[in-house]
Amino acid sequence: MARQTGLPVKVVRHWSDVGVVAPVGRTAGGYRRYDTDGIARLQMARTLRDLGLSLGEIRAALDRESGLADVAAAHVKALEAQIRRLRTHQAVLRNVTHHTTREGLALMSRTAHMSPDERRRLIHDFLTDTLGDLDVPQFREGLRAAGADLPEEPTDKQVEAWLELGDLVAGGELRPAMRRMARYTARQGQAAQAPDPTAAAEMRALTDLWTTRAREAMRAGIAADSPAADTVVAGIVAAWLPSGANNDPGVTADGAEARSLLHKQLTTGAEPAVERFWQLLCVLGGQPAPASIAAEGQWLATALRANPAPGARDFRLEVLYAQDAGPWPGGVLDAFTRVQDTVGALVRATAPEQFNLPTPCEDWTVRDLLDHLVWENIIWGGLAQDAPPTDGHTEDHLGDDHVAAFEAAATTARAAFRQPGMLDRSFGPASGHRLVEQLLIELLVHGWDLAAALGRDRGLEPDIARIALPVVQEIYGDLPRTVGGSFDSAVPAPQNAPALDHVAAFLGRRIPH
């Protein structure tokens, strides 16, 4: 019998003793004998035992043929509940690698064992405590409704959303951010109004417009703090002025007042923690989570600050560029040539196996930086020849030979700058001198980035770097140092650091020890 069923002899004897299977007789020596029905019964009992049923449940199910289906159905539910618990525990362990705060981990563990009703109560209590006595009934009810439909049997993604939500609630960022947004809603008089489908549709259309235009500008390589962003801002302001989002009837035209008001609205509503809160609630409610528009919002907010009125940045640069170019050693063209040669030597010293090294430029590898160095030569050399490139900065300009790509672009830019009369020509508000100066500064600063990434001497061209510092401070000193801008906030550099370290520190680079 043991050989037929794959069960140990002791198990067969024990299950016979408790009535799971009954022998049909005994041998002369007293050994129990079983028939084919007994074998089938033991094999079924073994299967049910592996599924977690007790011996009593197995005996009852085998004794009553109809009872087998009922017992199996009950255990299906039990197994499904166990699977959900295991998935939750798996999600907790997976999320431990991303959450290091004790408070967040403790709340994650508690929510992992909560019932759906307890989880809904958690959100209700959080909202009640956060919003307090603020008169924002529509805001409050909207949040409660969004979080009220947690399914009884959540998917893996919904479990993970709950755990992340627990960490978000436990953190210190969401609560004040939500109160700021609720206060702003109350001040705008929107809190007590019934939802207006027409107004909501208009707001969605306006949001789609400005996010699309900001996204297109970002893809085109238009820096938010550049004069080129002014045209994008003007188009967005033109759409915003006649909309319901403009709550000041006295603001009817693009200008400093309109841009200031739009900037205030944008930054007040730009709460990444609240945006993530809404996204998680959408996941929990089985709805598609809206894509984040944080990057587009940061770009537009920075563009509004850098271009506070139509043409303001252009006018500022026009005044600046009307002054003589800096006293570069041997003239700006000679200084540029020296810097380009120095950076070219660094490019030639870079090996392909170093391409994945990080650089002081956030999210850029050495390969990304090399590609940008090539692009800078292409774009400024093209402008000098009145032939700006047709491809974008996001395309691959490096190819399979980074040295050849840099040298080809550098040679073209140098030849363009040496055209007769080029230095005195006008390029918008800037002269040719200033065009060369711009590429000189770009190569100098990004050359510092490459030297720092490769662990090489960062003190490139010290006499040129000393002159570059006041020029850089004058050109970029009034730009907003925000997430959407070109530069981080200035950081200190050691007094005895190389001159180029001081330039890099002013532009927000961290100086390596």
Protein backbone atom coordinates (compact mmCIF):
# COMPACT_ATOMS: atom_id res chain seq x y z
CA MET A 1 0.00 0.00 0.00
CA ALA A 2 2.86 2.38 0.84
CA ARG A 3 4.54 1.66 -2.50
CA GLN A 4 1.30 2.20 -4.41
CA THR A 5 0.51 5.60 -2.80
CA GLY A 6 3.99 6.95 -2.13
CA LEU A 7 3.17 7.40 1.57
CA PRO A 8 5.33 6.11 4.44
CA VAL A 9 4.05 2.96 6.15
CA LYS A 10 3.59 4.87 9.43
CA VAL A 11 1.37 7.46 7.68
CA VAL A 12 -0.79 4.72 6.10
CA ARG A 13 -1.18 3.09 9.55
CA HIS A 14 -1.98 6.42 11.26
CA TRP A 15 -4.55 7.48 8.63
CA SER A 16 -6.16 4.05 8.99
CA ASP A 17 -6.36 4.57 12.75
CA VAL A 18 -8.13 7.94 12.38
CA GLY A 19 -10.60 6.65 9.77
CA VAL A 20 -9.35 8.27 6.60
CA VAL A 21 -9.12 4.79 4.99
CA ALA A 22 -10.37 1.43 6.26
CA PRO A 23 -8.72 -1.95 5.64
CA VAL A 24 -10.84 -4.69 4.07
CA GLY A 25 -9.26 -7.39 6.23
CA ARG A 26 -6.02 -8.72 7.72
CA THR A 27 -3.51 -11.38 6.79
CA ALA A 28 -2.88 -14.43 8.93
CA GLY A 29 0.02 -12.54 10.44
CA GLY A 30 -2.21 -9.60 11.38
CA TYR A 31 -1.17 -7.15 8.65
CA ARG A 32 -3.91 -4.89 7.27
CA ARG A 33 -5.14 -5.46 3.74
CA TYR A 34 -6.64 -2.81 1.38
CA ASP A 35 -8.45 -2.86 -1.94
CA THR A 36 -8.24 -0.56 -4.97
CA ASP A 37 -10.83 1.79 -3.44
CA GLY A 38 -8.54 2.21 -0.45
CA ILE A 39 -5.65 3.14 -2.71
CA ALA A 40 -7.78 5.75 -4.52
CA ARG A 41 -8.97 7.12 -1.16
CA LEU A 42 -5.41 7.47 0.17
CA GLN A 43 -4.22 9.15 -3.01
CA MET A 44 -7.05 11.70 -2.77
CA ALA A 45 -6.31 12.19 0.93
CA ARG A 46 -2.67 12.87 0.15
CA THR A 47 -3.66 15.52 -2.43
CA LEU A 48 -6.03 17.25 0.01
CA ARG A 49 -3.42 17.12 2.77
CA ASP A 50 -0.90 18.85 0.50
CA LEU A 51 -3.49 21.60 -0.01
CA GLY A 52 -3.65 22.23 3.73
CA LEU A 53 -6.82 20.36 4.81
CA SER A 54 -6.91 18.76 8.22
CA LEU A 55 -7.40 15.00 8.61
CA GLY A 56 -10.90 15.60 10.02
CA GLU A 57 -11.87 17.68 7.00
CA ILE A 58 -10.39 15.07 4.67
CA ARG A 59 -12.30 12.23 6.32
CA ALA A 60 -15.56 14.20 6.19
CA ALA A 61 -15.05 15.10 2.53
CA LEU A 62 -14.22 11.50 1.50
CA ASP A 63 -17.15 10.06 3.43
CA ARG A 64 -19.60 12.40 1.68
CA GLU A 65 -19.02 12.76 -2.06
CA SER A 66 -20.97 16.03 -2.16
CA GLY A 67 -18.97 17.31 0.80
CA LEU A 68 -15.74 17.12 -1.18
CA ALA A 69 -16.79 20.01 -3.46
CA ASP A 70 -17.85 22.12 -0.47
CA VAL A 71 -14.60 21.52 1.39
CA ALA A 72 -12.58 22.22 -1.76
CA ALA A 73 -14.44 25.50 -2.36
CA ALA A 74 -13.83 26.61 1.23
CA HIS A 75 -10.15 25.86 0.90
CA VAL A 76 -9.95 27.67 -2.41
CA LYS A 77 -11.07 30.79 -0.54
CA ALA A 78 -8.62 30.10 2.27
CA LEU A 79 -5.77 29.61 -0.19
CA GLU A 80 -6.68 32.81 -2.03
CA ALA A 81 -6.60 34.74 1.26
CA GLN A 82 -3.24 33.18 2.07
CA ILE A 83 -1.90 34.10 -1.37
CA ARG A 84 -3.03 37.70 -0.85
CA ARG A 85 -1.26 37.81 2.51
CA LEU A 86 1.89 36.38 0.99
CA ARG A 87 1.76 38.91 -1.86
CA THR A 88 1.36 41.69 0.67
CA HIS A 89 4.32 40.44 2.67
CA GLN A 90 6.31 40.12 -0.54
CA ALA A 91 5.46 43.72 -1.43
CA VAL A 92 6.50 44.85 2.06
CA LEU A 93 9.89 43.17 1.69
CA ARG A 94 10.31 44.51 -1.84
CA ASN A 95 9.52 48.03 -0.68
CA VAL A 96 11.93 47.79 2.25
CA THR A 97 14.72 48.28 -0.28
CA HIS A 98 13.21 51.67 -1.23
CA HIS A 99 12.02 52.89 2.20
CA THR A 100 14.53 53.44 4.96
CA THR A 101 12.56 55.54 7.48
CA ARG A 102 11.40 53.62 10.52
CA GLU A 103 8.08 55.47 10.56
CA GLY A 104 7.33 54.60 6.95
CA LEU A 105 8.31 50.96 7.40
CA ALA A 106 6.20 50.66 10.57
CA LEU A 107 3.16 52.11 8.80
CA MET A 108 3.75 49.86 5.80
CA SER A 109 3.75 46.82 8.08
CA ARG A 110 0.56 47.95 9.80
CA THR A 111 -1.28 48.64 6.54
CA ALA A 112 -0.17 45.28 5.19
CA HIS A 113 -2.29 43.57 7.86
CA MET A 114 -5.26 45.96 7.71
CA SER A 115 -8.67 45.06 6.38
CA PRO A 116 -10.09 47.20 3.54
CA ASP A 117 -12.33 49.02 6.05
CA GLU A 118 -9.35 49.78 8.28
CA ARG A 119 -7.40 51.11 5.31
CA ARG A 120 -10.26 53.40 4.30
CA ARG A 121 -10.44 54.65 7.87
CA LEU A 122 -6.71 55.41 7.76
CA ILE A 123 -7.24 57.75 4.77
CA HIS A 124 -10.33 59.29 6.38
CA ASP A 125 -8.48 60.03 9.62
CA PHE A 126 -5.49 61.43 7.74
CA LEU A 127 -7.67 63.80 5.71
CA THR A 128 -9.66 64.88 8.77
CA ASP A 129 -6.50 65.67 10.69
CA THR A 130 -4.75 67.34 7.73
CA LEU A 131 -7.57 69.56 6.49
CA GLY A 132 -8.83 70.40 9.98
CA ASP A 133 -11.34 73.23 9.95
CA LEU A 134 -10.52 74.48 6.43
CA ASP A 135 -13.72 75.26 4.52
CA VAL A 136 -13.03 73.01 1.53
CA PRO A 137 -15.95 70.56 1.34
CA GLN A 138 -15.52 69.77 -2.37
CA PHE A 139 -11.78 69.27 -1.96
CA ARG A 140 -12.33 67.07 1.10
CA GLU A 141 -15.08 64.93 -0.40
CA GLY A 142 -13.17 64.52 -3.63
CA LEU A 143 -10.22 63.07 -1.76
CA ARG A 144 -12.40 60.80 0.35
CA ALA A 145 -14.30 59.51 -2.66
CA ALA A 146 -11.10 58.80 -4.53
CA GLY A 147 -9.79 56.67 -1.67
CA ALA A 148 -13.05 54.89 -0.82
CA ASP A 149 -13.06 52.18 -3.49
CA LEU A 150 -10.18 49.95 -2.44
CA PRO A 151 -11.07 46.49 -3.82
CA GLU A 152 -11.60 43.63 -1.42
CA GLU A 153 -9.03 41.61 -3.38
CA PRO A 154 -6.33 44.10 -4.47
CA THR A 155 -3.86 43.35 -7.24
CA ASP A 156 -0.11 43.36 -6.69
CA LYS A 157 0.09 46.93 -7.99
CA GLN A 158 -2.68 48.03 -5.64
CA VAL A 159 -0.94 46.39 -2.69
CA GLU A 160 2.27 48.19 -3.58
CA ALA A 161 0.30 51.43 -3.97
CA TRP A 162 -1.07 50.99 -0.46
CA LEU A 163 2.37 50.46 0.96
CA GLU A 164 3.74 53.52 -0.84
CA LEU A 165 0.71 55.50 0.30
CA GLY A 166 1.44 54.45 3.87
CA ASP A 167 5.00 55.68 3.56
CA LEU A 168 3.78 58.94 1.99
CA VAL A 169 1.27 59.51 4.79
CA ALA A 170 3.93 58.73 7.41
CA GLY A 171 6.40 61.19 5.88
CA GLY A 172 6.50 64.85 6.71
CA GLU A 173 5.98 66.25 3.21
CA LEU A 174 2.41 65.32 2.25
CA ARG A 175 0.50 66.88 5.15
CA PRO A 176 1.80 70.48 4.81
CA ALA A 177 1.66 70.26 1.01
CA MET A 178 -1.99 69.23 1.11
CA ARG A 179 -2.86 72.01 3.56
CA ARG A 180 -1.16 74.58 1.32
CA MET A 181 -3.18 73.38 -1.66
CA ALA A 182 -6.42 73.32 0.34
CA ARG A 183 -5.82 76.86 1.66
CA TYR A 184 -5.19 78.08 -1.87
CA THR A 185 -8.40 76.41 -3.05
CA ALA A 186 -10.33 78.08 -0.23
CA ARG A 187 -8.83 81.51 -1.00
CA GLN A 188 -9.84 81.20 -4.64
CA GLY A 189 -13.46 80.65 -3.59
CA GLN A 190 -13.51 77.28 -5.34
CA ALA A 191 -14.02 75.18 -2.24
CA ALA A 192 -17.73 75.72 -1.65
CA GLN A 193 -18.76 75.70 -5.29
CA ALA A 194 -20.41 72.69 -6.87
CA PRO A 195 -18.24 71.06 -9.53
CA ASP A 196 -18.72 72.70 -12.95
CA PRO A 197 -18.17 70.19 -15.79
CA THR A 198 -17.58 73.01 -18.30
CA ALA A 199 -14.99 74.69 -16.13
CA ALA A 200 -13.32 71.35 -15.43
CA ALA A 201 -13.11 70.60 -19.16
CA GLU A 202 -11.63 74.06 -19.81
CA MET A 203 -9.04 73.50 -17.08
CA ARG A 204 -8.07 70.12 -18.53
CA ALA A 205 -7.69 71.65 -21.99
CA LEU A 206 -5.53 74.47 -20.61
CA THR A 207 -3.38 72.01 -18.70
CA ASP A 208 -2.96 69.87 -21.82
CA LEU A 209 -1.92 72.96 -23.80
CA TRP A 210 0.75 74.27 -21.46
CA THR A 211 2.18 70.84 -20.64
CA THR A 212 2.40 69.99 -24.34
CA ARG A 213 4.16 73.24 -25.21
CA ALA A 214 6.56 72.94 -22.27
CA ARG A 215 7.29 69.33 -23.20
CA GLU A 216 7.97 70.27 -26.83
CA ALA A 217 10.33 73.04 -25.70
CA MET A 218 12.19 70.61 -23.46
CA ARG A 219 12.55 68.10 -26.29
CA ALA A 220 13.83 70.85 -28.57
CA GLY A 221 16.54 71.68 -26.04
CA ILE A 222 15.16 75.12 -25.15
CA ALA A 223 16.45 75.97 -21.69
CA ALA A 224 13.75 77.39 -19.42
CA ASP A 225 16.03 80.26 -18.41
CA SER A 226 16.98 81.23 -21.97
CA PRO A 227 15.51 84.04 -24.08
CA ALA A 228 14.16 81.39 -26.48
CA ALA A 229 11.72 80.29 -23.74
CA ASP A 230 10.03 83.72 -23.89
CA THR A 231 8.09 82.80 -27.05
CA VAL A 232 6.80 79.60 -25.43
CA VAL A 233 5.75 81.52 -22.32
CA ALA A 234 3.95 84.13 -24.43
CA GLY A 235 1.86 81.44 -26.15
CA ILE A 236 0.89 79.87 -22.83
CA VAL A 237 -0.01 83.22 -21.27
CA ALA A 238 -2.17 84.07 -24.32
CA ALA A 239 -4.22 80.90 -23.72
CA TRP A 240 -4.38 81.45 -19.95
CA LEU A 241 -5.55 85.11 -20.01
CA PRO A 242 -9.15 84.54 -21.26
CA SER A 243 -9.63 81.29 -19.31
CA GLY A 244 -11.32 80.80 -15.98
CA ALA A 245 -7.92 80.08 -14.43
CA ASN A 246 -7.18 83.83 -14.64
CA ASN A 247 -9.11 84.95 -11.57
CA ASP A 248 -8.06 88.61 -11.74
CA PRO A 249 -10.36 90.54 -14.13
CA GLY A 250 -7.86 93.40 -14.18
CA VAL A 251 -5.21 91.25 -15.85
CA THR A 252 -6.05 91.25 -19.55
CA ALA A 253 -2.71 91.39 -21.37
CA ASP A 254 0.65 89.65 -21.27
CA GLY A 255 3.01 91.51 -18.98
CA ALA A 256 4.80 91.37 -15.64
CA GLU A 257 1.52 91.26 -13.68
CA ALA A 258 0.07 88.40 -15.74
CA ARG A 259 3.25 86.34 -15.59
CA SER A 260 3.61 86.91 -11.86
CA LEU A 261 0.04 85.72 -11.23
CA LEU A 262 0.44 82.67 -13.46
CA HIS A 263 3.73 81.82 -11.74
CA LYS A 264 2.03 82.06 -8.33
CA GLN A 265 -0.81 79.80 -9.43
CA LEU A 266 1.58 77.30 -10.96
CA THR A 267 3.91 77.06 -7.97
CA THR A 268 1.04 76.90 -5.48
CA GLY A 269 -0.52 74.00 -7.32
CA ALA A 270 2.82 72.26 -7.95
CA GLU A 271 2.92 69.90 -4.99
CA PRO A 272 4.72 66.68 -6.02
CA ALA A 273 3.63 64.88 -2.86
CA VAL A 274 -0.04 65.66 -3.51
CA GLU A 275 0.33 64.69 -7.17
CA ARG A 276 1.73 61.32 -6.12
CA PHE A 277 -1.05 60.93 -3.54
CA TRP A 278 -3.64 61.36 -6.32
CA GLN A 279 -1.81 58.91 -8.57
CA LEU A 280 -1.79 56.26 -5.84
CA LEU A 281 -5.49 56.76 -5.17
CA CYS A 282 -6.16 56.23 -8.88
CA VAL A 283 -4.26 52.94 -8.78
CA LEU A 284 -6.20 51.84 -5.70
CA GLY A 285 -9.49 52.74 -7.36
CA GLY A 286 -8.61 50.75 -10.48
CA GLN A 287 -8.30 53.90 -12.58
CA PRO A 288 -5.34 54.77 -14.87
CA ALA A 289 -2.99 57.07 -12.99
CA PRO A 290 -2.36 60.37 -14.78
CA ALA A 291 1.19 60.93 -15.96
CA SER A 292 3.27 63.27 -13.85
CA ILE A 293 3.57 66.84 -15.15
CA ALA A 294 6.11 67.88 -12.53
CA ALA A 295 8.95 68.33 -15.06
CA GLU A 296 6.80 70.45 -17.35
CA GLY A 297 5.62 72.53 -14.39
CA GLN A 298 9.18 73.10 -13.23
CA TRP A 299 10.20 74.16 -16.74
CA LEU A 300 7.33 76.68 -17.05
CA ALA A 301 7.83 78.07 -13.53
CA THR A 302 11.52 78.67 -14.26
CA ALA A 303 10.73 80.18 -17.68
CA LEU A 304 8.29 82.61 -16.05
CA ARG A 305 10.91 83.67 -13.51
CA ALA A 306 13.68 84.02 -16.09
CA ASN A 307 11.36 85.90 -18.46
CA PRO A 308 9.23 87.96 -16.02
CA ALA A 309 7.91 90.21 -18.80
CA PRO A 310 7.85 89.90 -22.60
CA GLY A 311 11.35 90.54 -23.96
CA ALA A 312 12.85 91.07 -20.48
CA ARG A 313 15.63 88.52 -20.85
CA ASP A 314 16.45 89.69 -24.36
CA PHE A 315 16.69 93.28 -23.16
CA ARG A 316 18.93 92.27 -20.25
CA LEU A 317 21.31 90.46 -22.59
CA GLU A 318 21.20 93.25 -25.14
CA VAL A 319 22.42 95.71 -22.51
CA LEU A 320 25.05 93.25 -21.34
CA TYR A 321 26.28 92.42 -24.84
CA ALA A 322 26.53 96.09 -25.74
CA GLN A 323 29.56 96.16 -23.43
CA ASP A 324 32.96 95.06 -24.61
CA ALA A 325 33.74 91.37 -24.41
CA GLY A 326 35.98 90.28 -21.57
CA PRO A 327 39.73 90.90 -21.77
CA TRP A 328 40.51 87.39 -22.92
CA PRO A 329 44.24 86.60 -23.26
CA GLY A 330 45.24 87.17 -26.88
CA GLY A 331 41.63 87.99 -27.76
CA VAL A 332 38.48 85.90 -27.53
CA LEU A 333 39.26 83.79 -30.61
CA ASP A 334 42.70 82.82 -29.36
CA ALA A 335 41.32 82.03 -25.88
CA PHE A 336 38.59 79.91 -27.45
CA THR A 337 41.13 77.98 -29.53
CA ARG A 338 43.21 77.20 -26.44
CA VAL A 339 40.16 75.96 -24.50
CA GLN A 340 38.93 73.88 -27.42
CA ASP A 341 42.38 72.24 -27.76
CA THR A 342 42.55 71.53 -24.03
CA VAL A 343 39.11 69.92 -24.00
CA GLY A 344 40.01 67.99 -27.16
CA ALA A 345 42.96 66.47 -25.30
CA LEU A 346 40.60 65.31 -22.53
CA VAL A 347 38.27 63.80 -25.12
CA ARG A 348 41.15 61.88 -26.70
CA ALA A 349 42.20 60.64 -23.26
CA THR A 350 38.72 59.22 -22.57
CA ALA A 351 38.43 55.46 -23.16
CA PRO A 352 35.14 53.77 -24.14
CA GLU A 353 35.21 51.74 -20.92
CA GLN A 354 34.82 55.04 -19.05
CA PHE A 355 31.61 55.99 -20.89
CA ASN A 356 29.32 54.85 -18.06
CA LEU A 357 31.08 56.82 -15.33
CA PRO A 358 28.90 59.47 -13.61
CA THR A 359 29.67 63.16 -14.09
CA PRO A 360 29.00 66.34 -12.08
CA CYS A 361 26.11 67.00 -14.51
CA GLU A 362 23.09 65.35 -12.94
CA ASP A 363 21.92 62.17 -14.75
CA TRP A 364 24.72 62.44 -17.33
CA THR A 365 27.30 59.76 -17.91
CA VAL A 366 30.66 60.46 -19.49
CA ARG A 367 29.21 59.41 -22.85
CA ASP A 368 26.32 61.85 -22.45
CA LEU A 369 28.81 64.59 -21.65
CA LEU A 370 30.96 63.80 -24.67
CA ASP A 371 27.87 63.89 -26.87
CA HIS A 372 26.98 67.31 -25.45
CA LEU A 373 30.47 68.65 -26.13
CA VAL A 374 30.10 67.62 -29.76
CA TRP A 375 26.64 69.19 -29.91
CA GLU A 376 27.88 72.51 -28.49
CA ASN A 377 30.43 72.80 -31.29
CA ILE A 378 27.77 71.88 -33.85
CA ILE A 379 25.13 74.35 -32.65
CA TRP A 380 27.37 77.40 -32.15
CA GLY A 381 29.40 76.71 -35.28
CA GLY A 382 26.15 76.36 -37.25
CA LEU A 383 24.81 79.67 -35.87
CA ALA A 384 28.04 81.40 -36.91
CA GLN A 385 27.43 80.20 -40.48
CA ASP A 386 23.72 81.09 -40.41
CA ALA A 387 23.02 77.37 -40.74
CA PRO A 388 21.75 76.02 -37.40
CA PRO A 389 21.54 72.21 -37.31
CA THR A 390 18.26 70.55 -38.24
CA ASP A 391 18.61 67.70 -35.75
CA GLY A 392 18.04 68.12 -32.01
CA HIS A 393 20.26 67.98 -28.97
CA THR A 394 18.70 64.67 -27.87
CA GLU A 395 19.97 62.76 -30.92
CA ASP A 396 23.20 60.79 -30.89
CA HIS A 397 26.04 62.97 -32.18
CA LEU A 398 28.86 60.73 -30.99
CA GLY A 399 28.52 57.61 -33.13
CA ASP A 400 31.11 54.87 -32.79
CA ASP A 401 34.17 57.15 -32.66
CA HIS A 402 33.88 59.89 -30.02
CA VAL A 403 37.27 61.38 -30.86
CA ALA A 404 36.50 61.71 -34.57
CA ALA A 405 33.05 63.17 -33.81
CA PHE A 406 34.49 65.83 -31.50
CA GLU A 407 37.35 66.76 -33.81
CA ALA A 408 35.05 67.08 -36.82
CA ALA A 409 32.60 69.33 -34.96
CA ALA A 410 35.44 71.35 -33.39
CA THR A 411 37.12 71.91 -36.77
CA THR A 412 33.85 73.12 -38.30
CA ALA A 413 33.16 75.52 -35.42
CA ARG A 414 36.70 76.90 -35.51
CA ALA A 415 36.51 77.52 -39.24
CA ALA A 416 33.15 79.25 -38.84
CA PHE A 417 34.50 81.56 -36.15
CA ARG A 418 37.51 82.49 -38.33
CA GLN A 419 35.39 83.81 -41.18
CA PRO A 420 36.37 87.37 -42.09
CA GLY A 421 34.32 89.90 -40.12
CA MET A 422 32.52 87.23 -38.13
CA LEU A 423 33.52 88.65 -34.72
CA ASP A 424 31.88 92.00 -35.49
CA ARG A 425 28.67 90.65 -37.03
CA SER A 426 25.36 90.84 -35.17
CA PHE A 427 23.55 87.68 -34.11
CA GLY A 428 20.37 88.98 -32.54
CA PRO A 429 21.36 91.03 -29.50
CA ALA A 430 24.86 89.51 -29.49
CA SER A 431 27.94 90.16 -31.59
CA GLY A 432 30.18 87.49 -33.05
CA HIS A 433 32.59 88.11 -30.15
CA ARG A 434 29.86 87.04 -27.73
CA LEU A 435 29.00 83.96 -29.82
CA VAL A 436 32.59 82.75 -29.57
CA GLU A 437 32.66 83.66 -25.90
CA GLN A 438 29.55 81.54 -25.29
CA LEU A 439 31.11 78.40 -26.77
CA LEU A 440 34.36 79.17 -24.93
CA ILE A 441 32.48 79.17 -21.60
CA GLU A 442 30.48 76.04 -22.49
CA LEU A 443 33.63 74.10 -23.37
CA LEU A 444 35.51 75.40 -20.34
CA VAL A 445 32.79 74.40 -17.84
CA HIS A 446 31.99 71.06 -19.45
CA GLY A 447 35.71 70.40 -19.80
CA TRP A 448 35.83 70.77 -16.01
CA ASP A 449 32.96 68.27 -15.77
CA LEU A 450 34.87 65.76 -17.90
CA ALA A 451 38.11 66.22 -15.96
CA ALA A 452 36.25 65.73 -12.65
CA ALA A 453 34.49 62.60 -13.95
CA LEU A 454 37.79 61.08 -15.14
CA GLY A 455 39.65 62.03 -11.97
CA ARG A 456 42.05 64.30 -13.87
CA ASP A 457 43.43 67.75 -13.09
CA ARG A 458 40.52 70.22 -13.00
CA GLY A 459 42.67 73.34 -13.18
CA LEU A 460 42.25 73.84 -16.93
CA GLU A 461 43.56 77.08 -18.49
CA PRO A 462 43.85 79.02 -15.18
CA ASP A 463 44.37 82.49 -16.70
CA ILE A 464 41.32 82.08 -18.95
CA ALA A 465 39.28 80.64 -16.06
CA ARG A 466 40.06 83.69 -13.88
CA ILE A 467 38.66 85.99 -16.56
CA ALA A 468 35.68 83.68 -17.17
CA LEU A 469 34.41 83.93 -13.58
CA PRO A 470 33.19 87.58 -13.66
CA VAL A 471 31.81 87.03 -17.19
CA VAL A 472 29.84 83.98 -16.05
CA GLN A 473 28.62 85.83 -12.96
CA GLU A 474 27.40 88.72 -15.11
CA ILE A 475 25.63 86.58 -17.72
CA TYR A 476 24.06 83.98 -15.42
CA GLY A 477 23.99 85.69 -12.05
CA ASP A 478 20.32 86.73 -12.19
CA LEU A 479 18.95 83.41 -13.46
CA PRO A 480 16.66 81.46 -11.11
CA ARG A 481 18.43 78.54 -9.48
CA THR A 482 15.46 76.17 -9.52
CA VAL A 483 14.88 72.53 -10.44
CA GLY A 484 13.80 73.49 -13.95
CA GLY A 485 16.76 75.81 -14.52
CA SER A 486 20.14 75.26 -16.10
CA PHE A 487 22.11 75.59 -12.88
CA ASP A 488 21.85 74.52 -9.27
CA SER A 489 22.42 77.02 -6.48
CA ALA A 490 26.00 78.23 -6.15
CA VAL A 491 28.16 76.29 -3.71
CA PRO A 492 31.32 77.36 -1.88
CA ALA A 493 34.75 76.50 -3.25
CA PRO A 494 37.96 76.42 -1.21
CA GLN A 495 39.77 79.74 -1.38
CA ASN A 496 42.92 78.13 -2.76
CA ALA A 497 41.05 75.96 -5.29
CA PRO A 498 41.90 76.25 -9.01
CA ALA A 499 40.22 79.18 -10.75
CA LEU A 500 37.99 76.89 -12.77
CA ASP A 501 36.71 75.27 -9.55
CA HIS A 502 35.30 78.68 -8.59
CA VAL A 503 33.53 78.97 -11.96
CA ALA A 504 32.07 75.47 -11.57
CA ALA A 505 31.00 76.15 -7.98
CA PHE A 506 29.20 79.35 -9.02
CA LEU A 507 27.25 77.27 -11.55
CA GLY A 508 26.23 74.77 -8.87
CA ARG A 509 28.83 72.02 -9.28
CA ARG A 510 29.97 70.21 -6.16
CA ILE A 511 33.73 70.50 -5.84
CA PRO A 512 35.34 67.04 -5.35
CA HIS A 513 37.48 66.62 -2.25
